[in-house]
N, C-alpha and C. Protein backbone atom coordinates (compact mmCIF):
# COMPACT_ATOMS: atom_id res chain seq x y z
N MET A 1 -12.46 21.61 9.07
CA MET A 1 -12.36 20.62 8.03
C MET A 1 -10.90 20.29 7.71
N TRP A 2 -10.06 21.33 7.54
CA TRP A 2 -8.64 21.10 7.24
C TRP A 2 -7.96 20.36 8.39
N GLN A 3 -8.38 20.68 9.59
CA GLN A 3 -7.80 20.01 10.75
C GLN A 3 -8.11 18.51 10.72
N LYS A 4 -9.34 18.18 10.34
CA LYS A 4 -9.74 16.77 10.23
C LYS A 4 -8.92 16.05 9.15
N LEU A 5 -8.73 16.72 8.02
CA LEU A 5 -7.94 16.12 6.94
C LEU A 5 -6.49 15.92 7.35
N LYS A 6 -5.93 16.89 8.05
CA LYS A 6 -4.55 16.76 8.52
C LYS A 6 -4.42 15.61 9.51
N GLN A 7 -5.40 15.48 10.40
CA GLN A 7 -5.39 14.39 11.38
C GLN A 7 -5.52 13.04 10.67
N TRP A 8 -6.39 12.97 9.66
CA TRP A 8 -6.58 11.73 8.90
C TRP A 8 -5.29 11.35 8.18
N ALA A 9 -4.60 12.33 7.60
CA ALA A 9 -3.34 12.08 6.90
C ALA A 9 -2.28 11.58 7.88
N LYS A 10 -2.22 12.16 9.07
CA LYS A 10 -1.26 11.71 10.09
C LYS A 10 -1.55 10.28 10.51
N GLN A 11 -2.85 9.97 10.66
CA GLN A 11 -3.24 8.61 11.05
C GLN A 11 -2.88 7.61 9.95
N LEU A 12 -3.07 7.99 8.69
CA LEU A 12 -2.70 7.10 7.58
C LEU A 12 -1.20 6.82 7.59
N LYS A 13 -0.42 7.86 7.84
CA LYS A 13 1.04 7.69 7.87
C LYS A 13 1.44 6.77 9.03
N ALA A 14 0.84 6.96 10.17
CA ALA A 14 1.14 6.10 11.33
C ALA A 14 0.69 4.67 11.05
N ASP A 15 -0.47 4.50 10.44
CA ASP A 15 -0.94 3.16 10.11
C ASP A 15 -0.03 2.49 9.09
N LEU A 16 0.49 3.26 8.17
CA LEU A 16 1.42 2.71 7.19
C LEU A 16 2.69 2.20 7.88
N GLN A 17 3.17 2.95 8.87
CA GLN A 17 4.33 2.50 9.63
C GLN A 17 4.00 1.25 10.44
N ALA A 18 2.78 1.18 10.97
CA ALA A 18 2.35 -0.02 11.69
C ALA A 18 2.29 -1.22 10.75
N LEU A 19 1.85 -0.99 9.51
CA LEU A 19 1.82 -2.07 8.53
C LEU A 19 3.22 -2.56 8.20
N ALA A 20 4.17 -1.63 8.14
CA ALA A 20 5.56 -2.03 7.89
C ALA A 20 6.06 -2.94 9.01
N LEU A 21 5.66 -2.66 10.23
CA LEU A 21 6.03 -3.54 11.34
C LEU A 21 5.33 -4.89 11.23
N ALA A 22 4.09 -4.88 10.78
CA ALA A 22 3.31 -6.12 10.67
C ALA A 22 3.91 -7.07 9.64
N VAL A 23 4.47 -6.52 8.58
CA VAL A 23 5.04 -7.36 7.53
C VAL A 23 6.17 -8.23 8.07
N THR A 24 6.89 -7.73 9.05
CA THR A 24 8.05 -8.46 9.56
C THR A 24 7.75 -9.30 10.80
N ASP A 25 6.52 -9.26 11.30
CA ASP A 25 6.16 -9.97 12.52
C ASP A 25 5.63 -11.37 12.19
N ALA A 26 6.18 -12.38 12.84
CA ALA A 26 5.80 -13.78 12.58
C ALA A 26 4.38 -14.10 13.04
N ARG A 27 3.81 -13.31 13.92
CA ARG A 27 2.47 -13.60 14.43
C ARG A 27 1.36 -13.17 13.48
N VAL A 28 1.70 -12.39 12.47
CA VAL A 28 0.71 -11.89 11.51
C VAL A 28 0.47 -12.97 10.45
N PRO A 29 -0.80 -13.26 10.12
CA PRO A 29 -1.10 -14.27 9.09
C PRO A 29 -0.47 -13.90 7.74
N TRP A 30 -0.14 -14.92 6.97
CA TRP A 30 0.56 -14.70 5.69
C TRP A 30 -0.23 -13.82 4.74
N TYR A 31 -1.56 -13.99 4.67
CA TYR A 31 -2.37 -13.21 3.73
C TYR A 31 -2.39 -11.73 4.14
N ALA A 32 -2.34 -11.46 5.44
CA ALA A 32 -2.27 -10.07 5.91
C ALA A 32 -0.90 -9.48 5.57
N LYS A 33 0.15 -10.30 5.68
CA LYS A 33 1.49 -9.83 5.33
C LYS A 33 1.58 -9.48 3.85
N VAL A 34 0.96 -10.31 3.01
CA VAL A 34 0.99 -10.05 1.57
C VAL A 34 0.30 -8.72 1.26
N MET A 35 -0.90 -8.54 1.78
CA MET A 35 -1.65 -7.30 1.53
C MET A 35 -0.91 -6.09 2.10
N ALA A 36 -0.42 -6.21 3.32
CA ALA A 36 0.32 -5.11 3.94
C ALA A 36 1.61 -4.84 3.18
N GLY A 37 2.28 -5.89 2.73
CA GLY A 37 3.52 -5.73 1.98
C GLY A 37 3.31 -4.99 0.67
N ILE A 38 2.24 -5.32 -0.04
CA ILE A 38 1.92 -4.63 -1.29
C ILE A 38 1.60 -3.16 -1.01
N THR A 39 0.84 -2.92 0.05
CA THR A 39 0.47 -1.55 0.39
C THR A 39 1.69 -0.72 0.77
N VAL A 40 2.55 -1.27 1.61
CA VAL A 40 3.76 -0.56 2.03
C VAL A 40 4.68 -0.36 0.84
N ALA A 41 4.81 -1.39 0.00
CA ALA A 41 5.67 -1.27 -1.18
C ALA A 41 5.17 -0.17 -2.10
N TYR A 42 3.86 -0.08 -2.29
CA TYR A 42 3.30 0.96 -3.13
C TYR A 42 3.56 2.35 -2.54
N ALA A 43 3.42 2.44 -1.23
CA ALA A 43 3.63 3.74 -0.57
C ALA A 43 5.09 4.17 -0.65
N LEU A 44 6.01 3.23 -0.54
CA LEU A 44 7.44 3.57 -0.54
C LEU A 44 8.04 3.65 -1.93
N SER A 45 7.32 3.14 -2.91
CA SER A 45 7.84 3.11 -4.27
C SER A 45 7.86 4.51 -4.88
N PRO A 46 8.94 4.84 -5.56
CA PRO A 46 8.96 6.12 -6.27
C PRO A 46 8.12 6.05 -7.55
N ILE A 47 7.64 4.86 -7.90
CA ILE A 47 6.83 4.68 -9.10
C ILE A 47 5.36 4.59 -8.69
N ASP A 48 4.53 5.43 -9.26
CA ASP A 48 3.10 5.42 -8.99
C ASP A 48 2.38 4.62 -10.06
N LEU A 49 1.19 4.17 -9.73
CA LEU A 49 0.35 3.49 -10.69
C LEU A 49 0.04 4.42 -11.85
N ILE A 50 -0.34 5.65 -11.52
CA ILE A 50 -0.57 6.70 -12.51
C ILE A 50 0.43 7.81 -12.18
N PRO A 51 1.33 8.15 -13.11
CA PRO A 51 2.35 9.17 -12.81
C PRO A 51 1.73 10.50 -12.36
N ASP A 52 2.39 11.15 -11.41
CA ASP A 52 1.87 12.39 -10.83
C ASP A 52 1.79 13.55 -11.81
N PHE A 53 2.54 13.50 -12.91
CA PHE A 53 2.51 14.62 -13.85
C PHE A 53 1.23 14.65 -14.69
N ILE A 54 0.43 13.59 -14.64
CA ILE A 54 -0.86 13.59 -15.33
C ILE A 54 -1.84 14.38 -14.47
N PRO A 55 -2.39 15.47 -15.01
CA PRO A 55 -3.28 16.32 -14.20
C PRO A 55 -4.43 15.54 -13.57
N VAL A 56 -4.71 15.82 -12.35
CA VAL A 56 -5.78 15.27 -11.52
C VAL A 56 -5.62 13.77 -11.30
N LEU A 57 -5.57 12.98 -12.36
CA LEU A 57 -5.47 11.52 -12.23
C LEU A 57 -4.18 11.10 -11.53
N GLY A 58 -3.12 11.86 -11.72
CA GLY A 58 -1.83 11.52 -11.12
C GLY A 58 -1.87 11.46 -9.60
N TYR A 59 -2.66 12.32 -9.01
CA TYR A 59 -2.77 12.31 -7.55
C TYR A 59 -3.96 11.50 -7.07
N LEU A 60 -4.86 11.20 -7.97
CA LEU A 60 -6.06 10.44 -7.61
C LEU A 60 -5.70 9.05 -7.12
N ASP A 61 -4.69 8.42 -7.74
CA ASP A 61 -4.32 7.08 -7.27
C ASP A 61 -3.77 7.12 -5.85
N ASP A 62 -3.02 8.17 -5.53
CA ASP A 62 -2.50 8.29 -4.16
C ASP A 62 -3.62 8.57 -3.16
N LEU A 63 -4.61 9.33 -3.59
CA LEU A 63 -5.71 9.68 -2.70
C LEU A 63 -6.72 8.55 -2.52
N LEU A 64 -6.77 7.63 -3.46
CA LEU A 64 -7.74 6.54 -3.37
C LEU A 64 -7.10 5.19 -3.06
N LEU A 65 -6.12 4.80 -3.87
CA LEU A 65 -5.55 3.46 -3.74
C LEU A 65 -4.83 3.23 -2.42
N LEU A 66 -4.03 4.19 -2.02
CA LEU A 66 -3.28 4.01 -0.79
C LEU A 66 -4.18 3.90 0.44
N PRO A 67 -5.15 4.80 0.63
CA PRO A 67 -6.04 4.63 1.79
C PRO A 67 -6.85 3.32 1.73
N ILE A 68 -7.26 2.91 0.53
CA ILE A 68 -7.99 1.65 0.41
C ILE A 68 -7.09 0.48 0.78
N GLY A 69 -5.86 0.50 0.29
CA GLY A 69 -4.91 -0.57 0.63
C GLY A 69 -4.64 -0.62 2.13
N ILE A 70 -4.47 0.54 2.74
CA ILE A 70 -4.24 0.60 4.18
C ILE A 70 -5.45 0.06 4.93
N TYR A 71 -6.64 0.47 4.51
CA TYR A 71 -7.87 0.02 5.17
C TYR A 71 -7.98 -1.51 5.16
N PHE A 72 -7.84 -2.10 3.97
CA PHE A 72 -7.99 -3.56 3.88
C PHE A 72 -6.86 -4.30 4.60
N SER A 73 -5.67 -3.75 4.56
CA SER A 73 -4.55 -4.37 5.27
C SER A 73 -4.80 -4.38 6.77
N LEU A 74 -5.29 -3.25 7.29
CA LEU A 74 -5.57 -3.15 8.72
C LEU A 74 -6.66 -4.14 9.15
N LYS A 75 -7.64 -4.36 8.29
CA LYS A 75 -8.74 -5.28 8.60
C LYS A 75 -8.26 -6.73 8.70
N LEU A 76 -7.16 -7.06 8.01
CA LEU A 76 -6.66 -8.44 8.00
C LEU A 76 -5.75 -8.77 9.19
N ILE A 77 -5.26 -7.74 9.86
CA ILE A 77 -4.35 -7.95 10.99
C ILE A 77 -5.17 -8.09 12.27
N PRO A 78 -4.86 -9.10 13.09
CA PRO A 78 -5.58 -9.26 14.36
C PRO A 78 -5.52 -7.97 15.19
N PRO A 79 -6.65 -7.54 15.76
CA PRO A 79 -6.72 -6.26 16.49
C PRO A 79 -5.68 -6.10 17.59
N VAL A 80 -5.39 -7.17 18.31
CA VAL A 80 -4.41 -7.08 19.40
C VAL A 80 -3.03 -6.74 18.84
N LEU A 81 -2.66 -7.38 17.75
CA LEU A 81 -1.36 -7.10 17.14
C LEU A 81 -1.33 -5.70 16.55
N LEU A 82 -2.42 -5.32 15.91
CA LEU A 82 -2.49 -3.98 15.32
C LEU A 82 -2.30 -2.91 16.39
N GLN A 83 -2.93 -3.08 17.52
CA GLN A 83 -2.78 -2.13 18.62
C GLN A 83 -1.32 -2.07 19.09
N GLU A 84 -0.69 -3.23 19.16
CA GLU A 84 0.72 -3.28 19.57
C GLU A 84 1.61 -2.52 18.57
N PHE A 85 1.36 -2.72 17.28
CA PHE A 85 2.16 -2.03 16.26
C PHE A 85 1.93 -0.53 16.31
N ARG A 86 0.69 -0.13 16.52
CA ARG A 86 0.38 1.30 16.60
C ARG A 86 1.07 1.94 17.82
N GLU A 87 1.12 1.21 18.92
CA GLU A 87 1.81 1.72 20.12
C GLU A 87 3.30 1.86 19.85
N GLN A 88 3.88 0.90 19.15
CA GLN A 88 5.31 0.98 18.81
C GLN A 88 5.59 2.21 17.95
N VAL A 89 4.71 2.46 16.99
CA VAL A 89 4.87 3.63 16.12
C VAL A 89 4.76 4.91 16.94
N ALA A 90 3.80 4.95 17.87
CA ALA A 90 3.61 6.14 18.70
C ALA A 90 4.84 6.39 19.58
N LEU A 91 5.46 5.33 20.08
CA LEU A 91 6.65 5.48 20.92
C LEU A 91 7.85 5.99 20.12
N ARG A 92 7.94 5.60 18.88
CA ARG A 92 9.05 6.03 18.03
C ARG A 92 8.98 7.51 17.68
N GLY A 93 7.77 8.03 17.61
CA GLY A 93 7.61 9.43 17.22
C GLY A 93 7.61 9.59 15.72
N LYS A 94 7.79 10.83 15.27
CA LYS A 94 7.75 11.15 13.84
C LYS A 94 8.94 10.54 13.13
N GLN A 95 8.65 9.83 12.05
CA GLN A 95 9.71 9.30 11.20
C GLN A 95 9.27 9.45 9.75
N LYS A 96 10.20 9.83 8.91
CA LYS A 96 9.89 9.94 7.50
C LYS A 96 10.02 8.56 6.87
N LEU A 97 9.05 8.23 6.01
CA LEU A 97 9.10 6.96 5.31
C LEU A 97 10.09 7.06 4.16
N PRO A 98 11.01 6.11 4.06
CA PRO A 98 12.02 6.17 3.00
C PRO A 98 11.45 5.72 1.66
N ARG A 99 12.11 6.11 0.58
CA ARG A 99 11.80 5.59 -0.74
C ARG A 99 12.60 4.30 -0.89
N SER A 100 12.07 3.36 -1.62
CA SER A 100 12.73 2.07 -1.71
C SER A 100 12.80 1.59 -3.15
N LYS A 101 14.00 1.21 -3.58
CA LYS A 101 14.16 0.63 -4.92
C LYS A 101 13.52 -0.75 -4.97
N THR A 102 13.57 -1.47 -3.87
CA THR A 102 12.93 -2.79 -3.82
C THR A 102 11.43 -2.64 -3.98
N ALA A 103 10.86 -1.65 -3.31
CA ALA A 103 9.42 -1.41 -3.45
C ALA A 103 9.08 -1.05 -4.89
N ALA A 104 9.92 -0.24 -5.52
CA ALA A 104 9.69 0.11 -6.92
C ALA A 104 9.73 -1.13 -7.80
N ALA A 105 10.67 -2.02 -7.53
CA ALA A 105 10.77 -3.26 -8.30
C ALA A 105 9.52 -4.12 -8.12
N ILE A 106 9.00 -4.17 -6.90
CA ILE A 106 7.78 -4.94 -6.64
C ILE A 106 6.60 -4.35 -7.42
N ILE A 107 6.48 -3.04 -7.43
CA ILE A 107 5.39 -2.39 -8.17
C ILE A 107 5.53 -2.66 -9.65
N VAL A 108 6.74 -2.57 -10.19
CA VAL A 108 6.95 -2.86 -11.61
C VAL A 108 6.57 -4.31 -11.91
N LEU A 109 6.96 -5.23 -11.03
CA LEU A 109 6.62 -6.65 -11.20
C LEU A 109 5.11 -6.85 -11.19
N LEU A 110 4.42 -6.19 -10.26
CA LEU A 110 2.96 -6.30 -10.21
C LEU A 110 2.33 -5.75 -11.49
N TRP A 111 2.86 -4.65 -12.00
CA TRP A 111 2.37 -4.09 -13.26
C TRP A 111 2.56 -5.09 -14.39
N LEU A 112 3.74 -5.69 -14.46
CA LEU A 112 4.02 -6.66 -15.52
C LEU A 112 3.10 -7.87 -15.42
N LEU A 113 2.88 -8.35 -14.20
CA LEU A 113 1.95 -9.47 -14.02
C LEU A 113 0.54 -9.10 -14.45
N PHE A 114 0.10 -7.90 -14.09
CA PHE A 114 -1.22 -7.44 -14.50
C PHE A 114 -1.32 -7.33 -16.02
N LEU A 115 -0.31 -6.77 -16.66
CA LEU A 115 -0.33 -6.64 -18.12
C LEU A 115 -0.33 -8.00 -18.79
N TRP A 116 0.43 -8.95 -18.26
CA TRP A 116 0.45 -10.30 -18.80
C TRP A 116 -0.93 -10.93 -18.68
N TRP A 117 -1.54 -10.80 -17.51
CA TRP A 117 -2.87 -11.36 -17.28
C TRP A 117 -3.90 -10.72 -18.22
N ALA A 118 -3.86 -9.40 -18.35
CA ALA A 118 -4.79 -8.71 -19.25
C ALA A 118 -4.56 -9.14 -20.69
N GLY A 119 -3.30 -9.30 -21.08
CA GLY A 119 -2.98 -9.78 -22.43
C GLY A 119 -3.54 -11.17 -22.67
N GLN A 120 -3.44 -12.03 -21.66
CA GLN A 120 -4.00 -13.39 -21.77
C GLN A 120 -5.51 -13.34 -21.98
N LEU A 121 -6.20 -12.48 -21.23
CA LEU A 121 -7.65 -12.35 -21.39
C LEU A 121 -8.01 -11.86 -22.78
N VAL A 122 -7.31 -10.86 -23.26
CA VAL A 122 -7.59 -10.33 -24.60
C VAL A 122 -7.30 -11.39 -25.66
N TRP A 123 -6.19 -12.10 -25.52
CA TRP A 123 -5.84 -13.15 -26.48
C TRP A 123 -6.90 -14.25 -26.51
N ARG A 124 -7.38 -14.69 -25.36
CA ARG A 124 -8.42 -15.73 -25.31
C ARG A 124 -9.72 -15.22 -25.94
N TRP A 125 -10.05 -13.98 -25.66
CA TRP A 125 -11.26 -13.40 -26.25
C TRP A 125 -11.11 -13.34 -27.77
N TYR A 126 -9.95 -12.91 -28.24
CA TYR A 126 -9.70 -12.81 -29.67
C TYR A 126 -9.77 -14.19 -30.34
N GLN A 127 -9.21 -15.20 -29.69
CA GLN A 127 -9.20 -16.56 -30.24
C GLN A 127 -10.60 -17.16 -30.28
N SER A 128 -11.46 -16.79 -29.35
CA SER A 128 -12.80 -17.37 -29.29
C SER A 128 -13.76 -16.75 -30.30
N ARG A 129 -13.39 -15.69 -30.93
CA ARG A 129 -14.28 -15.02 -31.91
C ARG A 129 -14.33 -15.72 -33.21
């Protein structure tokens, strides 16, 4: 069981690197780039959706959101291109994913947009009462 989990984690890391390549490739559709970009930015961001110091929930977002983001991003990329990106990652070998201030800024921006949107919904609901 542990071996399967370790293999799955390695595959997720490799797929994340393949997504990073997809974001910069002109042959990838724009909507796939957006989804892959958000997923890679979240993975590289030092800021989590739920901070890790919160017991259980802090790691739950990493265990759920990141694999879900990777899954949907991979589904949007044409299979031929995805295979090419995976081969490039395999040829490069092991590489550590860097932390990115830009990725952190993107995550903060997404949070602010979400909070603004939620505030708008609450305000409209309050006004309609």
